[in-house]
Amino acid sequence: VVKDSWFPEFDRRREAARQVAREAEAAFLPL
């Protein structure tokens, strides 16, 4: 189901998760 049209919008959620982890001092797993 994942098409080229998913990007770059989906990647913005990935970056947001990374930032949330950083601010919460969480371990971040780059899946």
PDB file of all heavy atoms in Angstrom:
ATOM      1  N   VAL A   1       0.809  -1.221   0.000  1.00  0.00           N
ATOM      2  CA  VAL A   1       0.000   0.000   0.000  1.00  0.00           C
ATOM      3  C   VAL A   1       0.841   1.269   0.000  1.00  0.00           C
ATOM      4  O   VAL A   1       0.301   2.363  -0.208  1.00  0.00           O
ATOM      5  CB  VAL A   1      -0.952   0.035   1.212  1.00  0.00           C
ATOM      6  CG1 VAL A   1      -1.875  -1.164   1.203  1.00  0.00           C
ATOM      7  CG2 VAL A   1      -0.164   0.111   2.531  1.00  0.00           C
ATOM      8  N   VAL A   2       2.122   1.153   0.252  1.00  0.00           N
ATOM      9  CA  VAL A   2       2.981   2.343   0.374  1.00  0.00           C
ATOM     10  C   VAL A   2       3.430   2.783  -1.019  1.00  0.00           C
ATOM     11  O   VAL A   2       4.168   2.060  -1.708  1.00  0.00           O
ATOM     12  CB  VAL A   2       4.198   2.051   1.269  1.00  0.00           C
ATOM     13  CG1 VAL A   2       5.101   3.282   1.351  1.00  0.00           C
ATOM     14  CG2 VAL A   2       3.745   1.624   2.663  1.00  0.00           C
ATOM     15  N   LYS A   3       2.993   3.967  -1.419  1.00  0.00           N
ATOM     16  CA  LYS A   3       3.292   4.506  -2.734  1.00  0.00           C
ATOM     17  C   LYS A   3       4.232   5.712  -2.615  1.00  0.00           C
ATOM     18  O   LYS A   3       4.440   6.249  -1.524  1.00  0.00           O
ATOM     19  CB  LYS A   3       1.990   4.947  -3.427  1.00  0.00           C
ATOM     20  CG  LYS A   3       0.898   3.889  -3.423  1.00  0.00           C
ATOM     21  CD  LYS A   3       1.319   2.609  -4.130  1.00  0.00           C
ATOM     22  CE  LYS A   3       0.187   1.594  -4.154  1.00  0.00           C
ATOM     23  NZ  LYS A   3       0.600   0.292  -4.760  1.00  0.00           N
ATOM     24  N   ASP A   4       4.752   6.138  -3.747  1.00  0.00           N
ATOM     25  CA  ASP A   4       5.632   7.310  -3.750  1.00  0.00           C
ATOM     26  C   ASP A   4       4.933   8.543  -3.197  1.00  0.00           C
ATOM     27  O   ASP A   4       5.580   9.436  -2.620  1.00  0.00           O
ATOM     28  CB  ASP A   4       6.131   7.596  -5.170  1.00  0.00           C
ATOM     29  CG  ASP A   4       7.138   6.567  -5.656  1.00  0.00           C
ATOM     30  OD1 ASP A   4       7.695   5.834  -4.812  1.00  0.00           O
ATOM     31  OD2 ASP A   4       7.365   6.495  -6.882  1.00  0.00           O
ATOM     32  N   SER A   5       3.604   8.587  -3.328  1.00  0.00           N
ATOM     33  CA  SER A   5       2.848   9.739  -2.859  1.00  0.00           C
ATOM     34  C   SER A   5       2.873   9.885  -1.333  1.00  0.00           C
ATOM     35  O   SER A   5       2.501  10.927  -0.798  1.00  0.00           O
ATOM     36  CB  SER A   5       1.397   9.647  -3.341  1.00  0.00           C
ATOM     37  OG  SER A   5       0.786   8.451  -2.870  1.00  0.00           O
ATOM     38  N   TRP A   6       3.301   8.851  -0.626  1.00  0.00           N
ATOM     39  CA  TRP A   6       3.411   8.936   0.830  1.00  0.00           C
ATOM     40  C   TRP A   6       4.528   9.894   1.251  1.00  0.00           C
ATOM     41  O   TRP A   6       4.544  10.352   2.399  1.00  0.00           O
ATOM     42  CB  TRP A   6       3.706   7.556   1.418  1.00  0.00           C
ATOM     43  CG  TRP A   6       2.515   6.658   1.530  1.00  0.00           C
ATOM     44  CD1 TRP A   6       1.585   6.388   0.575  1.00  0.00           C
ATOM     45  CD2 TRP A   6       2.142   5.896   2.680  1.00  0.00           C
ATOM     46  NE1 TRP A   6       0.656   5.494   1.048  1.00  0.00           N
ATOM     47  CE2 TRP A   6       0.970   5.159   2.332  1.00  0.00           C
ATOM     48  CE3 TRP A   6       2.685   5.731   3.952  1.00  0.00           C
ATOM     49  CZ2 TRP A   6       0.344   4.307   3.229  1.00  0.00           C
ATOM     50  CZ3 TRP A   6       2.059   4.871   4.844  1.00  0.00           C
ATOM     51  CH2 TRP A   6       0.898   4.171   4.499  1.00  0.00           C
ATOM     52  N   PHE A   7       5.432  10.158   0.343  1.00  0.00           N
ATOM     53  CA  PHE A   7       6.631  10.923   0.704  1.00  0.00           C
ATOM     54  C   PHE A   7       6.616  12.283   0.009  1.00  0.00           C
ATOM     55  O   PHE A   7       6.119  12.410  -1.100  1.00  0.00           O
ATOM     56  CB  PHE A   7       7.875  10.124   0.303  1.00  0.00           C
ATOM     57  CG  PHE A   7       7.862   8.717   0.833  1.00  0.00           C
ATOM     58  CD1 PHE A   7       7.432   7.666   0.031  1.00  0.00           C
ATOM     59  CD2 PHE A   7       8.242   8.445   2.134  1.00  0.00           C
ATOM     60  CE1 PHE A   7       7.385   6.368   0.514  1.00  0.00           C
ATOM     61  CE2 PHE A   7       8.203   7.147   2.620  1.00  0.00           C
ATOM     62  CZ  PHE A   7       7.767   6.107   1.825  1.00  0.00           C
ATOM     63  N   PRO A   8       7.149  13.310   0.680  1.00  0.00           N
ATOM     64  CA  PRO A   8       7.884  13.287   1.961  1.00  0.00           C
ATOM     65  C   PRO A   8       6.999  13.454   3.189  1.00  0.00           C
ATOM     66  O   PRO A   8       7.516  13.554   4.306  1.00  0.00           O
ATOM     67  CB  PRO A   8       8.810  14.477   1.822  1.00  0.00           C
ATOM     68  CG  PRO A   8       8.011  15.466   1.033  1.00  0.00           C
ATOM     69  CD  PRO A   8       7.223  14.646   0.036  1.00  0.00           C
ATOM     70  N   GLU A   9       5.664  13.464   3.016  1.00  0.00           N
ATOM     71  CA  GLU A   9       4.802  13.752   4.170  1.00  0.00           C
ATOM     72  C   GLU A   9       4.976  12.733   5.293  1.00  0.00           C
ATOM     73  O   GLU A   9       5.032  13.101   6.473  1.00  0.00           O
ATOM     74  CB  GLU A   9       3.338  13.817   3.739  1.00  0.00           C
ATOM     75  CG  GLU A   9       2.391  14.282   4.814  1.00  0.00           C
ATOM     76  CD  GLU A   9       2.665  15.691   5.332  1.00  0.00           C
ATOM     77  OE1 GLU A   9       3.250  16.513   4.585  1.00  0.00           O
ATOM     78  OE2 GLU A   9       2.314  15.965   6.496  1.00  0.00           O
ATOM     79  N   PHE A  10       5.066  11.452   4.942  1.00  0.00           N
ATOM     80  CA  PHE A  10       5.252  10.456   6.002  1.00  0.00           C
ATOM     81  C   PHE A  10       6.563  10.683   6.736  1.00  0.00           C
ATOM     82  O   PHE A  10       6.637  10.506   7.966  1.00  0.00           O
ATOM     83  CB  PHE A  10       5.223   9.033   5.435  1.00  0.00           C
ATOM     84  CG  PHE A  10       5.526   7.995   6.477  1.00  0.00           C
ATOM     85  CD1 PHE A  10       4.567   7.640   7.417  1.00  0.00           C
ATOM     86  CD2 PHE A  10       6.781   7.396   6.551  1.00  0.00           C
ATOM     87  CE1 PHE A  10       4.854   6.707   8.410  1.00  0.00           C
ATOM     88  CE2 PHE A  10       7.071   6.465   7.530  1.00  0.00           C
ATOM     89  CZ  PHE A  10       6.110   6.116   8.463  1.00  0.00           C
ATOM     90  N   ASP A  11       7.596  11.069   6.023  1.00  0.00           N
ATOM     91  CA  ASP A  11       8.903  11.291   6.652  1.00  0.00           C
ATOM     92  C   ASP A  11       8.848  12.388   7.713  1.00  0.00           C
ATOM     93  O   ASP A  11       9.650  12.396   8.649  1.00  0.00           O
ATOM     94  CB  ASP A  11       9.950  11.654   5.603  1.00  0.00           C
ATOM     95  CG  ASP A  11      10.277  10.486   4.693  1.00  0.00           C
ATOM     96  OD1 ASP A  11      10.129   9.329   5.142  1.00  0.00           O
ATOM     97  OD2 ASP A  11      10.676  10.723   3.540  1.00  0.00           O
ATOM     98  N   ARG A  12       7.893  13.288   7.591  1.00  0.00           N
ATOM     99  CA  ARG A  12       7.748  14.340   8.605  1.00  0.00           C
ATOM    100  C   ARG A  12       7.304  13.739   9.931  1.00  0.00           C
ATOM    101  O   ARG A  12       7.680  14.234  11.000  1.00  0.00           O
ATOM    102  CB  ARG A  12       6.768  15.399   8.125  1.00  0.00           C
ATOM    103  CG  ARG A  12       7.192  16.130   6.854  1.00  0.00           C
ATOM    104  CD  ARG A  12       6.163  17.165   6.439  1.00  0.00           C
ATOM    105  NE  ARG A  12       6.058  18.242   7.419  1.00  0.00           N
ATOM    106  CZ  ARG A  12       5.011  19.052   7.539  1.00  0.00           C
ATOM    107  NH1 ARG A  12       3.956  18.875   6.746  1.00  0.00           N
ATOM    108  NH2 ARG A  12       5.001  20.003   8.445  1.00  0.00           N
ATOM    109  N   ARG A  13       6.508  12.682   9.910  1.00  0.00           N
ATOM    110  CA  ARG A  13       6.136  11.999  11.161  1.00  0.00           C
ATOM    111  C   ARG A  13       7.360  11.317  11.773  1.00  0.00           C
ATOM    112  O   ARG A  13       7.527  11.320  12.996  1.00  0.00           O
ATOM    113  CB  ARG A  13       5.047  10.957  10.903  1.00  0.00           C
ATOM    114  CG  ARG A  13       3.610  11.472  11.016  1.00  0.00           C
ATOM    115  CD  ARG A  13       3.243  12.367   9.895  1.00  0.00           C
ATOM    116  NE  ARG A  13       1.830  12.773   9.942  1.00  0.00           N
ATOM    117  CZ  ARG A  13       1.291  13.585   9.058  1.00  0.00           C
ATOM    118  NH1 ARG A  13       2.022  14.077   8.052  1.00  0.00           N
ATOM    119  NH2 ARG A  13       0.022  13.947   9.158  1.00  0.00           N
ATOM    120  N   ARG A  14       8.195  10.766  10.948  1.00  0.00           N
ATOM    121  CA  ARG A  14       9.414  10.138  11.458  1.00  0.00           C
ATOM    122  C   ARG A  14      10.284  11.161  12.178  1.00  0.00           C
ATOM    123  O   ARG A  14      10.771  10.913  13.290  1.00  0.00           O
ATOM    124  CB  ARG A  14      10.208   9.522  10.314  1.00  0.00           C
ATOM    125  CG  ARG A  14       9.555   8.331   9.649  1.00  0.00           C
ATOM    126  CD  ARG A  14      10.387   7.857   8.459  1.00  0.00           C
ATOM    127  NE  ARG A  14      11.801   7.855   8.761  1.00  0.00           N
ATOM    128  CZ  ARG A  14      12.740   8.442   8.009  1.00  0.00           C
ATOM    129  NH1 ARG A  14      12.404   9.075   6.889  1.00  0.00           N
ATOM    130  NH2 ARG A  14      13.999   8.396   8.368  1.00  0.00           N
ATOM    131  N   GLU A  15      10.480  12.297  11.561  1.00  0.00           N
ATOM    132  CA  GLU A  15      11.309  13.328  12.167  1.00  0.00           C
ATOM    133  C   GLU A  15      10.663  13.868  13.436  1.00  0.00           C
ATOM    134  O   GLU A  15      11.346  14.168  14.419  1.00  0.00           O
ATOM    135  CB  GLU A  15      11.553  14.470  11.178  1.00  0.00           C
ATOM    136  CG  GLU A  15      12.459  15.579  11.723  1.00  0.00           C
ATOM    137  CD  GLU A  15      13.777  15.064  12.258  1.00  0.00           C
ATOM    138  OE1 GLU A  15      14.360  14.135  11.670  1.00  0.00           O
ATOM    139  OE2 GLU A  15      14.236  15.598  13.307  1.00  0.00           O
ATOM    140  N   ALA A  16       9.336  13.977  13.434  1.00  0.00           N
ATOM    141  CA  ALA A  16       8.628  14.440  14.631  1.00  0.00           C
ATOM    142  C   ALA A  16       8.836  13.455  15.782  1.00  0.00           C
ATOM    143  O   ALA A  16       9.038  13.866  16.931  1.00  0.00           O
ATOM    144  CB  ALA A  16       7.144  14.611  14.334  1.00  0.00           C
ATOM    145  N   ALA A  17       8.783  12.154  15.497  1.00  0.00           N
ATOM    146  CA  ALA A  17       9.002  11.152  16.540  1.00  0.00           C
ATOM    147  C   ALA A  17      10.407  11.268  17.111  1.00  0.00           C
ATOM    148  O   ALA A  17      10.615  11.139  18.329  1.00  0.00           O
ATOM    149  CB  ALA A  17       8.769   9.752  15.982  1.00  0.00           C
ATOM    150  N   ARG A  18      11.376  11.512  16.254  1.00  0.00           N
ATOM    151  CA  ARG A  18      12.754  11.688  16.709  1.00  0.00           C
ATOM    152  C   ARG A  18      12.862  12.890  17.648  1.00  0.00           C
ATOM    153  O   ARG A  18      13.518  12.831  18.695  1.00  0.00           O
ATOM    154  CB  ARG A  18      13.700  11.850  15.523  1.00  0.00           C
ATOM    155  CG  ARG A  18      15.168  11.985  15.914  1.00  0.00           C
ATOM    156  CD  ARG A  18      16.036  12.241  14.683  1.00  0.00           C
ATOM    157  NE  ARG A  18      16.037  11.102  13.785  1.00  0.00           N
ATOM    158  CZ  ARG A  18      16.868  10.073  13.880  1.00  0.00           C
ATOM    159  NH1 ARG A  18      17.767  10.039  14.856  1.00  0.00           N
ATOM    160  NH2 ARG A  18      16.808   9.088  13.015  1.00  0.00           N
ATOM    161  N   GLN A  19      12.191  13.983  17.295  1.00  0.00           N
ATOM    162  CA  GLN A  19      12.235  15.183  18.116  1.00  0.00           C
ATOM    163  C   GLN A  19      11.523  14.958  19.449  1.00  0.00           C
ATOM    164  O   GLN A  19      12.003  15.395  20.502  1.00  0.00           O
ATOM    165  CB  GLN A  19      11.591  16.359  17.378  1.00  0.00           C
ATOM    166  CG  GLN A  19      11.625  17.673  18.140  1.00  0.00           C
ATOM    167  CD  GLN A  19      13.027  18.159  18.422  1.00  0.00           C
ATOM    168  OE1 GLN A  19      13.947  17.927  17.642  1.00  0.00           O
ATOM    169  NE2 GLN A  19      13.211  18.830  19.556  1.00  0.00           N
ATOM    170  N   VAL A  20      10.396  14.265  19.420  1.00  0.00           N
ATOM    171  CA  VAL A  20       9.685  13.940  20.652  1.00  0.00           C
ATOM    172  C   VAL A  20      10.580  13.109  21.575  1.00  0.00           C
ATOM    173  O   VAL A  20      10.652  13.356  22.781  1.00  0.00           O
ATOM    174  CB  VAL A  20       8.380  13.186  20.338  1.00  0.00           C
ATOM    175  CG1 VAL A  20       7.791  12.555  21.602  1.00  0.00           C
ATOM    176  CG2 VAL A  20       7.364  14.119  19.700  1.00  0.00           C
ATOM    177  N   ALA A  21      11.265  12.137  21.005  1.00  0.00           N
ATOM    178  CA  ALA A  21      12.167  11.303  21.797  1.00  0.00           C
ATOM    179  C   ALA A  21      13.283  12.134  22.414  1.00  0.00           C
ATOM    180  O   ALA A  21      13.628  11.963  23.594  1.00  0.00           O
ATOM    181  CB  ALA A  21      12.751  10.196  20.929  1.00  0.00           C
ATOM    182  N   ARG A  22      13.837  13.024  21.624  1.00  0.00           N
ATOM    183  CA  ARG A  22      14.935  13.864  22.115  1.00  0.00           C
ATOM    184  C   ARG A  22      14.470  14.712  23.293  1.00  0.00           C
ATOM    185  O   ARG A  22      15.152  14.792  24.324  1.00  0.00           O
ATOM    186  CB  ARG A  22      15.449  14.739  20.976  1.00  0.00           C
ATOM    187  CG  ARG A  22      16.650  15.597  21.342  1.00  0.00           C
ATOM    188  CD  ARG A  22      17.077  16.453  20.169  1.00  0.00           C
ATOM    189  NE  ARG A  22      17.428  15.643  18.996  1.00  0.00           N
ATOM    190  CZ  ARG A  22      16.775  15.682  17.849  1.00  0.00           C
ATOM    191  NH1 ARG A  22      15.730  16.492  17.693  1.00  0.00           N
ATOM    192  NH2 ARG A  22      17.150  14.920  16.848  1.00  0.00           N
ATOM    193  N   GLU A  23      13.311  15.333  23.161  1.00  0.00           N
ATOM    194  CA  GLU A  23      12.816  16.222  24.213  1.00  0.00           C
ATOM    195  C   GLU A  23      12.421  15.452  25.474  1.00  0.00           C
ATOM    196  O   GLU A  23      12.534  15.980  26.583  1.00  0.00           O
ATOM    197  CB  GLU A  23      11.628  17.021  23.689  1.00  0.00           C
ATOM    198  CG  GLU A  23      12.006  18.012  22.596  1.00  0.00           C
ATOM    199  CD  GLU A  23      10.809  18.724  22.008  1.00  0.00           C
ATOM    200  OE1 GLU A  23       9.665  18.379  22.389  1.00  0.00           O
ATOM    201  OE2 GLU A  23      11.017  19.624  21.160  1.00  0.00           O
ATOM    202  N   ALA A  24      11.985  14.205  25.309  1.00  0.00           N
ATOM    203  CA  ALA A  24      11.581  13.391  26.451  1.00  0.00           C
ATOM    204  C   ALA A  24      12.747  12.592  27.032  1.00  0.00           C
ATOM    205  O   ALA A  24      12.557  11.837  27.989  1.00  0.00           O
ATOM    206  CB  ALA A  24      10.461  12.439  26.051  1.00  0.00           C
ATOM    207  N   GLU A  25      13.928  12.748  26.455  1.00  0.00           N
ATOM    208  CA  GLU A  25      15.118  12.002  26.874  1.00  0.00           C
ATOM    209  C   GLU A  25      14.859  10.498  26.788  1.00  0.00           C
ATOM    210  O   GLU A  25      15.211   9.722  27.686  1.00  0.00           O
ATOM    211  CB  GLU A  25      15.540  12.406  28.284  1.00  0.00           C
ATOM    212  CG  GLU A  25      15.940  13.885  28.387  1.00  0.00           C
ATOM    213  CD  GLU A  25      16.418  14.264  29.775  1.00  0.00           C
ATOM    214  OE1 GLU A  25      16.092  13.541  30.743  1.00  0.00           O
ATOM    215  OE2 GLU A  25      17.137  15.277  29.900  1.00  0.00           O
ATOM    216  N   ALA A  26      14.238  10.115  25.698  1.00  0.00           N
ATOM    217  CA  ALA A  26      13.913   8.714  25.452  1.00  0.00           C
ATOM    218  C   ALA A  26      14.989   8.056  24.594  1.00  0.00           C
ATOM    219  O   ALA A  26      15.647   8.715  23.786  1.00  0.00           O
ATOM    220  CB  ALA A  26      12.567   8.611  24.737  1.00  0.00           C
ATOM    221  N   ALA A  27      15.131   6.751  24.761  1.00  0.00           N
ATOM    222  CA  ALA A  27      15.921   5.983  23.807  1.00  0.00           C
ATOM    223  C   ALA A  27      15.156   5.975  22.488  1.00  0.00           C
ATOM    224  O   ALA A  27      13.945   5.736  22.474  1.00  0.00           O
ATOM    225  CB  ALA A  27      16.119   4.562  24.314  1.00  0.00           C
ATOM    226  N   PHE A  28      15.853   6.235  21.387  1.00  0.00           N
ATOM    227  CA  PHE A  28      15.207   6.296  20.080  1.00  0.00           C
ATOM    228  C   PHE A  28      15.735   5.181  19.205  1.00  0.00           C
ATOM    229  O   PHE A  28      16.952   5.032  19.023  1.00  0.00           O
ATOM    230  CB  PHE A  28      15.481   7.644  19.416  1.00  0.00           C
ATOM    231  CG  PHE A  28      14.811   7.815  18.079  1.00  0.00           C
ATOM    232  CD1 PHE A  28      13.445   8.030  17.989  1.00  0.00           C
ATOM    233  CD2 PHE A  28      15.553   7.744  16.905  1.00  0.00           C
ATOM    234  CE1 PHE A  28      12.829   8.181  16.755  1.00  0.00           C
ATOM    235  CE2 PHE A  28      14.955   7.895  15.666  1.00  0.00           C
ATOM    236  CZ  PHE A  28      13.587   8.107  15.590  1.00  0.00           C
ATOM    237  N   LEU A  29      14.834   4.375  18.660  1.00  0.00           N
ATOM    238  CA  LEU A  29      15.224   3.262  17.805  1.00  0.00           C
ATOM    239  C   LEU A  29      14.898   3.601  16.353  1.00  0.00           C
ATOM    240  O   LEU A  29      13.724   3.677  15.975  1.00  0.00           O
ATOM    241  CB  LEU A  29      14.501   1.984  18.217  1.00  0.00           C
ATOM    242  CG  LEU A  29      15.161   1.156  19.330  1.00  0.00           C
ATOM    243  CD1 LEU A  29      15.343   1.972  20.594  1.00  0.00           C
ATOM    244  CD2 LEU A  29      14.370  -0.110  19.613  1.00  0.00           C
ATOM    245  N   PRO A  30      15.920   3.801  15.509  1.00  0.00           N
ATOM    246  CA  PRO A  30      15.717   4.234  14.116  1.00  0.00           C
ATOM    247  C   PRO A  30      15.303   3.070  13.212  1.00  0.00           C
ATOM    248  O   PRO A  30      16.098   2.544  12.433  1.00  0.00           O
ATOM    249  CB  PRO A  30      17.087   4.784  13.739  1.00  0.00           C
ATOM    250  CG  PRO A  30      18.052   3.966  14.545  1.00  0.00           C
ATOM    251  CD  PRO A  30      17.349   3.695  15.859  1.00  0.00           C
ATOM    252  N   LEU A  31      14.032   2.713  13.275  1.00  0.00           N
ATOM    253  CA  LEU A  31      13.567   1.545  12.527  1.00  0.00           C
ATOM    254  C   LEU A  31      13.603   1.761  11.019  1.00  0.00           C
ATOM    255  O   LEU A  31      13.837   0.809  10.263  1.00  0.00           O
ATOM    256  CB  LEU A  31      12.150   1.171  12.958  1.00  0.00           C
ATOM    257  CG  LEU A  31      11.980   0.738  14.409  1.00  0.00           C
ATOM    258  CD1 LEU A  31      10.551   0.266  14.648  1.00  0.00           C
ATOM    259  CD2 LEU A  31      12.977  -0.352  14.776  1.00  0.00           C
TER     260      LEU A  31
END
